[in-house]
């Protein structure tokens, strides 16, 4: 298993969050969170080491990360929980480090989807 660091810039709130995902000696992933957002920090206090398989394969409403986000984050569009899941996935060797993004397009901008 490999450690993973993810930086999430949440957008209009301008708050950044650094997520560090590290495997412990028994293969559970520990998420360490540094954030400018008090809601993300409050959520991070409840994070426990978790199985990457169980979390990545969970239905959204059964995910521990999204359950904690539901309790602490008032803005459903916050991208930080997704960043936490992505970091956990990579640290658990279930995914590769590859950029992902949300990009707003101009009304007249053409996009080709294959």
Protein backbone atom coordinates (compact mmCIF):
# COMPACT_ATOMS: atom_id res chain seq x y z
CA UNK A 1 0.00 0.00 0.00
CA UNK A 2 1.21 3.49 -0.77
CA UNK A 3 0.69 6.76 1.03
CA UNK A 4 -1.26 9.43 -0.81
CA UNK A 5 -1.65 13.20 -0.41
CA UNK A 6 -4.49 15.16 -2.01
CA UNK A 7 -5.06 18.91 -1.98
CA UNK A 8 -8.68 20.00 -2.48
CA UNK A 9 -9.49 23.60 -3.34
CA UNK A 10 -13.20 23.72 -2.58
CA UNK A 11 -13.94 26.59 -4.95
CA UNK A 12 -15.93 29.71 -4.15
CA UNK A 13 -15.32 29.42 -0.38
CA UNK A 14 -11.57 29.50 -1.18
CA UNK A 15 -10.85 27.02 1.62
CA UNK A 16 -8.19 24.42 1.00
CA UNK A 17 -7.90 20.97 2.57
CA UNK A 18 -4.85 18.72 2.62
CA UNK A 19 -5.72 15.02 2.93
CA UNK A 20 -2.99 12.52 3.77
CA UNK A 21 -3.93 8.86 3.54
CA UNK A 22 -1.57 6.32 5.11
CA UNK A 23 -1.88 2.57 5.55
CA UNK A 24 -1.30 1.33 9.07
CA UNK A 25 0.35 -1.99 10.05
CA UNK A 26 -2.87 -4.00 9.57
CA UNK A 27 -3.82 -2.49 6.20
CA UNK A 28 -6.42 0.02 7.36
CA UNK A 29 -6.14 3.54 5.96
CA UNK A 30 -5.79 6.51 8.27
CA UNK A 31 -6.84 9.90 6.92
CA UNK A 32 -5.06 12.91 8.35
CA UNK A 33 -6.76 16.21 7.56
CA UNK A 34 -5.49 19.79 7.60
CA UNK A 35 -8.14 22.26 6.52
CA UNK A 36 -9.05 25.91 6.54
CA UNK A 37 -12.70 24.86 6.88
CA UNK A 38 -14.10 24.41 10.41
CA UNK A 39 -16.75 21.99 9.12
CA UNK A 40 -14.14 19.71 7.52
CA UNK A 41 -12.07 19.84 10.71
CA UNK A 42 -15.10 18.89 12.80
CA UNK A 43 -15.74 15.96 10.47
CA UNK A 44 -12.09 14.85 10.66
CA UNK A 45 -12.24 14.47 14.45
CA UNK A 46 -14.52 11.45 13.98
CA UNK A 47 -12.49 9.71 11.28
CA UNK A 48 -11.21 6.29 12.31
CA UNK A 49 -8.87 3.99 10.35
CA UNK A 50 -10.96 2.25 7.69
CA UNK A 51 -10.82 -0.58 5.22
CA UNK A 52 -10.20 0.77 1.73
CA UNK A 53 -12.21 -2.08 0.20
CA UNK A 54 -15.27 -1.55 2.41
CA UNK A 55 -15.28 2.23 1.91
CA UNK A 56 -14.65 2.33 -1.84
CA UNK A 57 -17.21 -0.39 -2.55
CA UNK A 58 -19.88 1.02 -0.21
CA UNK A 59 -23.07 2.57 -1.50
CA UNK A 60 -22.98 6.35 -1.04
CA UNK A 61 -25.42 6.34 1.85
CA UNK A 62 -23.43 3.59 3.60
CA UNK A 63 -19.98 5.16 3.17
CA UNK A 64 -18.43 6.19 6.49
CA UNK A 65 -16.88 9.27 4.88
CA UNK A 66 -20.18 10.44 3.42
CA UNK A 67 -22.03 9.61 6.64
CA UNK A 68 -19.64 11.84 8.60
CA UNK A 69 -19.86 14.53 5.91
CA UNK A 70 -23.64 14.48 6.23
CA UNK A 71 -23.30 15.18 9.96
CA UNK A 72 -20.71 17.98 9.69
CA UNK A 73 -20.77 19.69 6.31
CA UNK A 74 -23.75 21.94 5.53
CA UNK A 75 -22.92 22.26 1.81
CA UNK A 76 -23.75 19.13 -0.22
CA UNK A 77 -21.63 20.26 -3.18
CA UNK A 78 -18.42 20.28 -1.11
CA UNK A 79 -15.75 18.31 -3.04
CA UNK A 80 -13.67 17.42 0.04
CA UNK A 81 -15.42 14.12 0.91
CA UNK A 82 -14.83 12.93 -2.65
CA UNK A 83 -11.16 13.85 -2.27
CA UNK A 84 -11.03 11.79 0.93
CA UNK A 85 -12.46 8.74 -0.85
CA UNK A 86 -10.03 9.19 -3.76
CA UNK A 87 -7.05 9.42 -1.37
CA UNK A 88 -8.22 6.34 0.53
CA UNK A 89 -8.66 4.46 -2.76
CA UNK A 90 -5.09 5.22 -3.90
CA UNK A 91 -3.52 4.55 -0.48
CA UNK A 92 -5.31 1.18 -0.45
CA UNK A 93 -3.86 0.32 -3.89
CA UNK A 94 -7.36 0.26 -5.39
CA UNK A 95 -6.81 3.17 -7.76
CA UNK A 96 -4.13 5.18 -9.51
CA UNK A 97 -3.02 8.75 -8.89
CA UNK A 98 -4.71 10.67 -11.67
CA UNK A 99 -6.03 14.22 -11.68
CA UNK A 100 -9.76 14.74 -11.62
CA UNK A 101 -11.63 18.02 -11.78
CA UNK A 102 -14.87 19.93 -12.03
CA UNK A 103 -14.65 22.66 -14.63
CA UNK A 104 -17.26 25.27 -15.45
CA UNK A 105 -17.72 25.93 -19.17
CA UNK A 106 -18.66 29.09 -21.00
CA UNK A 107 -22.17 28.94 -22.47
CA UNK A 108 -20.76 28.77 -26.02
CA UNK A 109 -17.83 26.43 -25.31
CA UNK A 110 -17.91 23.22 -27.33
CA UNK A 111 -16.92 19.92 -25.71
CA UNK A 112 -16.46 16.59 -27.44
CA UNK A 113 -17.51 13.54 -25.42
CA UNK A 114 -16.35 10.24 -26.92
